N, C-alpha and C. Protein backbone atom coordinates (compact mmCIF):
# COMPACT_ATOMS: atom_id res chain seq x y z
N UNK A 1 11.10 17.60 -15.17
CA UNK A 1 12.37 17.19 -14.62
C UNK A 1 12.17 15.93 -13.80
N UNK A 2 13.09 15.02 -13.87
CA UNK A 2 12.98 13.74 -13.16
C UNK A 2 13.33 13.92 -11.68
N UNK A 3 12.72 13.07 -10.88
CA UNK A 3 13.02 13.09 -9.45
C UNK A 3 13.58 11.74 -9.04
N UNK A 4 14.32 11.74 -7.94
CA UNK A 4 14.96 10.53 -7.44
C UNK A 4 14.60 10.38 -5.97
N UNK A 5 14.31 9.17 -5.56
CA UNK A 5 13.99 8.90 -4.16
C UNK A 5 15.28 8.84 -3.34
N UNK A 6 15.17 9.22 -2.08
CA UNK A 6 16.32 9.25 -1.19
C UNK A 6 16.91 7.85 -0.99
N UNK A 7 16.07 6.84 -0.92
CA UNK A 7 16.60 5.49 -0.70
C UNK A 7 17.46 5.03 -1.87
N UNK A 8 17.18 5.53 -3.09
CA UNK A 8 18.02 5.19 -4.25
C UNK A 8 19.40 5.83 -4.10
N UNK A 9 19.43 7.08 -3.61
CA UNK A 9 20.70 7.77 -3.38
C UNK A 9 21.50 7.01 -2.33
N UNK A 10 20.83 6.56 -1.27
CA UNK A 10 21.51 5.82 -0.21
C UNK A 10 22.07 4.50 -0.73
N UNK A 11 21.33 3.82 -1.61
CA UNK A 11 21.81 2.56 -2.19
C UNK A 11 23.09 2.79 -3.00
N UNK A 12 23.12 3.87 -3.78
CA UNK A 12 24.30 4.15 -4.59
C UNK A 12 25.52 4.43 -3.72
N UNK A 13 25.31 5.10 -2.60
CA UNK A 13 26.42 5.47 -1.73
C UNK A 13 26.76 4.37 -0.73
N UNK A 14 25.93 3.36 -0.64
CA UNK A 14 26.19 2.28 0.31
C UNK A 14 26.02 2.73 1.75
N UNK A 15 25.04 3.55 2.01
CA UNK A 15 24.80 4.08 3.35
C UNK A 15 23.31 4.03 3.65
N UNK A 16 22.92 4.51 4.81
CA UNK A 16 21.51 4.51 5.18
C UNK A 16 20.83 5.77 4.67
N UNK A 17 19.53 5.68 4.51
CA UNK A 17 18.79 6.85 4.05
C UNK A 17 18.77 7.94 5.12
N UNK A 18 18.83 7.55 6.40
CA UNK A 18 18.86 8.54 7.47
C UNK A 18 20.14 9.38 7.40
N UNK A 19 21.25 8.73 7.06
CA UNK A 19 22.51 9.46 6.93
C UNK A 19 22.46 10.41 5.73
N UNK A 20 21.84 9.96 4.65
CA UNK A 20 21.70 10.82 3.46
C UNK A 20 20.84 12.03 3.80
N UNK A 21 19.75 11.81 4.54
CA UNK A 21 18.89 12.93 4.94
C UNK A 21 19.67 13.93 5.79
N UNK A 22 20.50 13.43 6.72
CA UNK A 22 21.29 14.32 7.57
C UNK A 22 22.32 15.09 6.75
N UNK A 23 22.98 14.43 5.80
CA UNK A 23 23.96 15.11 4.95
C UNK A 23 23.31 16.18 4.08
N UNK A 24 22.15 15.88 3.53
CA UNK A 24 21.45 16.86 2.70
C UNK A 24 21.07 18.09 3.52
N UNK A 25 20.62 17.86 4.74
CA UNK A 25 20.23 18.98 5.60
C UNK A 25 21.45 19.81 5.98
N UNK A 26 22.55 19.14 6.34
CA UNK A 26 23.74 19.85 6.80
C UNK A 26 24.45 20.58 5.66
N UNK A 27 24.65 19.90 4.52
CA UNK A 27 25.45 20.46 3.44
C UNK A 27 24.67 21.36 2.49
N UNK A 28 23.43 20.99 2.20
CA UNK A 28 22.65 21.73 1.20
C UNK A 28 21.49 22.51 1.79
N UNK A 29 21.18 22.28 3.04
CA UNK A 29 20.04 22.96 3.65
C UNK A 29 18.70 22.43 3.16
N UNK A 30 18.70 21.21 2.64
CA UNK A 30 17.48 20.60 2.13
C UNK A 30 16.91 19.70 3.21
N UNK A 31 15.72 20.02 3.70
CA UNK A 31 15.08 19.21 4.74
C UNK A 31 14.06 18.30 4.10
N UNK A 32 14.27 17.01 4.25
CA UNK A 32 13.33 16.01 3.76
C UNK A 32 12.92 15.14 4.93
N UNK A 33 11.75 14.51 4.82
CA UNK A 33 11.21 13.79 5.97
C UNK A 33 11.52 12.30 6.00
N UNK A 34 11.52 11.63 4.84
CA UNK A 34 11.67 10.18 4.88
C UNK A 34 12.44 9.68 3.66
N UNK A 35 12.71 8.38 3.66
CA UNK A 35 13.46 7.76 2.57
C UNK A 35 12.68 7.75 1.27
N UNK A 36 11.37 7.91 1.35
CA UNK A 36 10.57 7.94 0.13
C UNK A 36 10.37 9.35 -0.40
N UNK A 37 10.99 10.34 0.24
CA UNK A 37 10.95 11.71 -0.28
C UNK A 37 11.75 11.77 -1.57
N UNK A 38 11.43 12.75 -2.41
CA UNK A 38 12.11 12.85 -3.70
C UNK A 38 12.99 14.08 -3.75
N UNK A 39 13.94 14.03 -4.67
CA UNK A 39 14.92 15.08 -4.87
C UNK A 39 15.10 15.23 -6.38
N UNK A 40 15.31 16.44 -6.85
CA UNK A 40 15.54 16.64 -8.28
C UNK A 40 16.79 15.86 -8.71
N UNK A 41 16.74 15.30 -9.91
CA UNK A 41 17.84 14.45 -10.37
C UNK A 41 19.15 15.22 -10.47
N UNK A 42 19.10 16.49 -10.87
CA UNK A 42 20.31 17.29 -10.99
C UNK A 42 20.98 17.45 -9.63
N UNK A 43 20.19 17.77 -8.62
CA UNK A 43 20.72 17.94 -7.27
C UNK A 43 21.24 16.61 -6.73
N UNK A 44 20.47 15.55 -6.96
CA UNK A 44 20.86 14.23 -6.47
C UNK A 44 22.16 13.77 -7.13
N UNK A 45 22.30 14.02 -8.43
CA UNK A 45 23.51 13.60 -9.14
C UNK A 45 24.74 14.32 -8.59
N UNK A 46 24.64 15.64 -8.39
CA UNK A 46 25.80 16.38 -7.87
C UNK A 46 26.11 15.95 -6.44
N UNK A 47 25.09 15.70 -5.64
CA UNK A 47 25.29 15.25 -4.26
C UNK A 47 25.97 13.89 -4.22
N UNK A 48 25.49 12.95 -5.03
CA UNK A 48 26.06 11.60 -5.06
C UNK A 48 27.51 11.64 -5.53
N UNK A 49 27.79 12.41 -6.58
CA UNK A 49 29.15 12.47 -7.10
C UNK A 49 30.10 13.08 -6.07
N UNK A 50 29.66 14.12 -5.36
CA UNK A 50 30.51 14.77 -4.36
C UNK A 50 30.79 13.83 -3.18
N UNK A 51 29.75 13.19 -2.67
CA UNK A 51 29.91 12.30 -1.52
C UNK A 51 30.71 11.06 -1.93
N UNK A 52 30.53 10.57 -3.15
CA UNK A 52 31.28 9.41 -3.61
C UNK A 52 32.77 9.73 -3.70
N UNK A 53 33.11 10.95 -4.15
CA UNK A 53 34.52 11.36 -4.19
C UNK A 53 35.10 11.43 -2.78
N UNK A 54 34.34 11.99 -1.84
CA UNK A 54 34.82 12.12 -0.47
C UNK A 54 35.05 10.76 0.18
N UNK A 55 34.18 9.80 -0.11
CA UNK A 55 34.24 8.49 0.54
C UNK A 55 34.92 7.42 -0.32
N UNK A 56 35.44 7.82 -1.48
CA UNK A 56 36.08 6.88 -2.40
C UNK A 56 35.17 5.71 -2.76
N UNK A 57 33.94 6.03 -3.13
CA UNK A 57 32.96 5.03 -3.53
C UNK A 57 32.90 5.03 -5.05
N UNK A 58 32.99 3.84 -5.65
CA UNK A 58 32.92 3.72 -7.10
C UNK A 58 31.45 3.72 -7.53
N UNK A 59 31.11 4.62 -8.43
CA UNK A 59 29.74 4.71 -8.95
C UNK A 59 29.65 3.95 -10.27
N UNK A 60 28.49 3.38 -10.57
CA UNK A 60 28.33 2.71 -11.86
C UNK A 60 28.39 3.73 -12.99
N UNK A 61 28.89 3.29 -14.14
CA UNK A 61 28.96 4.20 -15.28
C UNK A 61 27.59 4.32 -15.94
N UNK A 62 27.42 5.34 -16.73
CA UNK A 62 26.13 5.55 -17.41
C UNK A 62 25.17 6.31 -16.51
N UNK A 63 23.90 6.13 -16.77
CA UNK A 63 22.86 6.80 -15.99
C UNK A 63 22.76 6.12 -14.63
N UNK A 64 23.18 6.81 -13.58
CA UNK A 64 23.22 6.18 -12.26
C UNK A 64 21.84 6.07 -11.63
N UNK A 65 20.87 6.79 -12.15
CA UNK A 65 19.52 6.74 -11.59
C UNK A 65 18.55 6.02 -12.52
N UNK A 66 19.06 5.17 -13.40
CA UNK A 66 18.19 4.43 -14.32
C UNK A 66 17.35 3.44 -13.54
N UNK A 67 16.14 3.18 -14.03
CA UNK A 67 15.24 2.23 -13.37
C UNK A 67 15.81 0.82 -13.41
N UNK A 68 16.41 0.44 -14.55
CA UNK A 68 16.98 -0.89 -14.66
C UNK A 68 18.49 -0.73 -14.80
N UNK A 69 19.27 -1.65 -14.25
CA UNK A 69 20.72 -1.52 -14.36
C UNK A 69 21.18 -1.64 -15.81
N UNK A 70 22.24 -0.91 -16.13
CA UNK A 70 22.77 -0.94 -17.49
C UNK A 70 23.40 -2.30 -17.76
N UNK A 71 23.27 -2.81 -18.98
CA UNK A 71 23.87 -4.12 -19.29
C UNK A 71 25.39 -4.02 -19.25
N UNK A 72 26.04 -5.10 -18.87
CA UNK A 72 27.49 -5.13 -18.80
C UNK A 72 28.06 -5.07 -20.21
N UNK A 73 29.12 -4.26 -20.38
CA UNK A 73 29.73 -4.14 -21.70
C UNK A 73 30.75 -5.25 -21.88
N UNK A 74 30.97 -5.65 -23.13
CA UNK A 74 31.97 -6.66 -23.45
C UNK A 74 31.44 -8.06 -23.18
N UNK A 75 32.26 -9.05 -23.50
CA UNK A 75 31.86 -10.44 -23.27
C UNK A 75 30.88 -10.90 -24.33
N UNK A 76 30.79 -12.19 -24.47
CA UNK A 76 29.87 -12.76 -25.44
C UNK A 76 28.47 -12.82 -24.84
N UNK A 77 27.51 -12.59 -25.67
CA UNK A 77 26.13 -12.67 -25.19
C UNK A 77 25.73 -14.14 -25.11
N UNK A 78 25.11 -14.49 -24.03
CA UNK A 78 24.66 -15.86 -23.84
C UNK A 78 23.24 -15.99 -24.38
N UNK A 79 22.97 -17.16 -24.93
CA UNK A 79 21.62 -17.41 -25.44
C UNK A 79 20.70 -17.61 -24.25
N UNK A 80 19.52 -17.07 -24.36
CA UNK A 80 18.55 -17.21 -23.27
C UNK A 80 18.09 -18.65 -23.20
N UNK A 81 17.97 -19.21 -22.00
CA UNK A 81 17.50 -20.59 -21.89
C UNK A 81 16.05 -20.68 -22.36
N UNK A 82 15.76 -21.81 -23.02
CA UNK A 82 14.41 -21.99 -23.55
C UNK A 82 13.44 -22.19 -22.39
N UNK A 83 12.35 -21.47 -22.42
CA UNK A 83 11.34 -21.60 -21.37
C UNK A 83 10.35 -22.69 -21.76
N UNK A 84 9.87 -23.40 -20.77
CA UNK A 84 8.87 -24.42 -21.03
C UNK A 84 7.56 -23.74 -21.37
N UNK A 85 6.90 -24.27 -22.35
CA UNK A 85 5.61 -23.70 -22.73
C UNK A 85 4.58 -24.09 -21.68
N UNK A 86 3.88 -23.12 -21.17
CA UNK A 86 2.86 -23.39 -20.17
C UNK A 86 1.61 -23.91 -20.87
N UNK A 87 0.96 -24.91 -20.28
CA UNK A 87 -0.28 -25.39 -20.90
C UNK A 87 -1.33 -24.29 -20.82
N UNK A 88 -2.18 -24.19 -21.83
CA UNK A 88 -3.18 -23.13 -21.81
C UNK A 88 -4.14 -23.34 -20.64
N UNK A 89 -4.50 -22.26 -20.01
CA UNK A 89 -5.42 -22.34 -18.88
C UNK A 89 -6.83 -22.55 -19.41
N UNK A 90 -7.64 -23.36 -18.71
CA UNK A 90 -9.01 -23.56 -19.18
C UNK A 90 -9.78 -22.25 -19.09
N UNK A 91 -10.55 -21.99 -20.12
CA UNK A 91 -11.31 -20.75 -20.17
C UNK A 91 -12.48 -20.83 -19.20
N UNK A 92 -12.80 -19.72 -18.59
CA UNK A 92 -13.93 -19.68 -17.68
C UNK A 92 -15.21 -19.79 -18.49
N UNK A 93 -16.20 -20.51 -17.98
CA UNK A 93 -17.46 -20.64 -18.73
C UNK A 93 -18.14 -19.28 -18.86
N UNK A 94 -18.76 -19.07 -20.00
CA UNK A 94 -19.44 -17.81 -20.25
C UNK A 94 -20.82 -17.89 -19.60
N UNK A 95 -21.09 -16.97 -18.72
CA UNK A 95 -22.36 -16.94 -18.02
C UNK A 95 -23.25 -15.84 -18.58
N UNK A 96 -24.54 -16.09 -18.55
CA UNK A 96 -25.49 -15.08 -19.00
C UNK A 96 -25.69 -14.02 -17.92
N UNK A 97 -26.56 -13.08 -18.18
CA UNK A 97 -26.80 -12.04 -17.18
C UNK A 97 -27.46 -12.65 -15.94
N UNK A 98 -27.25 -12.06 -14.78
CA UNK A 98 -27.84 -12.62 -13.56
C UNK A 98 -29.36 -12.51 -13.58
N UNK A 99 -30.00 -13.50 -12.96
CA UNK A 99 -31.46 -13.49 -12.90
C UNK A 99 -31.89 -13.02 -11.52
N UNK A 100 -32.93 -12.25 -11.50
CA UNK A 100 -33.51 -11.81 -10.23
C UNK A 100 -34.71 -12.68 -9.93
N UNK A 101 -34.73 -13.28 -8.77
CA UNK A 101 -35.83 -14.14 -8.37
C UNK A 101 -36.55 -13.43 -7.23
N UNK A 102 -37.83 -13.16 -7.47
CA UNK A 102 -38.61 -12.47 -6.44
C UNK A 102 -39.47 -13.50 -5.72
N UNK A 103 -39.51 -13.37 -4.43
CA UNK A 103 -40.38 -14.24 -3.64
C UNK A 103 -41.48 -13.38 -3.04
N UNK A 104 -42.66 -13.96 -2.94
CA UNK A 104 -43.80 -13.24 -2.39
C UNK A 104 -43.80 -13.45 -0.89
N UNK A 105 -43.79 -12.34 -0.15
CA UNK A 105 -43.83 -12.42 1.30
C UNK A 105 -45.28 -12.32 1.75
N UNK A 106 -45.65 -13.11 2.75
CA UNK A 106 -47.03 -13.00 3.23
C UNK A 106 -47.25 -11.64 3.88
N UNK A 107 -48.45 -11.14 3.71
CA UNK A 107 -48.78 -9.83 4.27
C UNK A 107 -48.79 -9.93 5.79
N UNK A 108 -48.28 -8.91 6.43
CA UNK A 108 -48.25 -8.89 7.89
C UNK A 108 -49.66 -8.65 8.41
N UNK A 109 -50.05 -9.36 9.48
CA UNK A 109 -51.40 -9.12 10.02
C UNK A 109 -51.48 -7.72 10.60
N UNK A 110 -52.66 -7.09 10.49
CA UNK A 110 -52.78 -5.72 11.02
C UNK A 110 -52.59 -5.74 12.54
N UNK A 111 -52.01 -4.68 13.08
CA UNK A 111 -51.80 -4.63 14.53
C UNK A 111 -53.15 -4.58 15.26
N UNK A 112 -53.22 -5.17 16.44
CA UNK A 112 -54.50 -5.13 17.17
C UNK A 112 -54.83 -3.69 17.55
N UNK A 113 -56.11 -3.34 17.53
CA UNK A 113 -56.48 -1.96 17.86
C UNK A 113 -56.16 -1.67 19.33
N UNK A 114 -55.69 -0.49 19.55
CA UNK A 114 -55.37 -0.08 20.92
C UNK A 114 -56.65 0.25 21.66
N UNK A 115 -56.77 -0.26 22.86
CA UNK A 115 -57.98 -0.01 23.65
C UNK A 115 -57.81 1.28 24.42
N UNK A 116 -58.88 2.05 24.46
CA UNK A 116 -58.87 3.29 25.23
C UNK A 116 -59.50 3.04 26.59
N UNK A 117 -58.95 3.62 27.65
CA UNK A 117 -59.59 3.44 28.97
C UNK A 117 -60.90 4.22 29.03
N UNK A 118 -61.96 3.66 29.70
CA UNK A 118 -63.27 4.35 29.77
C UNK A 118 -63.29 5.51 30.71
């Protein structure tokens, strides 16, 4: 089942997400913590439709929770403007495997012998 974020519901209703959270808690008994919390699409759809009727808010037709807005119906389709062709980017030079270079470190001199008291 699809889920809907609270901020999307608030955008549709033209209100703040905090107000949507308060309405959900008061009317449906659903406690959510933040605007990024999710709600089942069925519950969100019924909530949005009910609140939109109460507030006389016009909802978009079609799937109101679609990721991309629905295209406008009617009217002539306009031709897409021609995009300029981008010049090809220069290819990065192909490098071989990395080489490990070892350096010889001089041996550390032995520590001086510790003297014992007589």
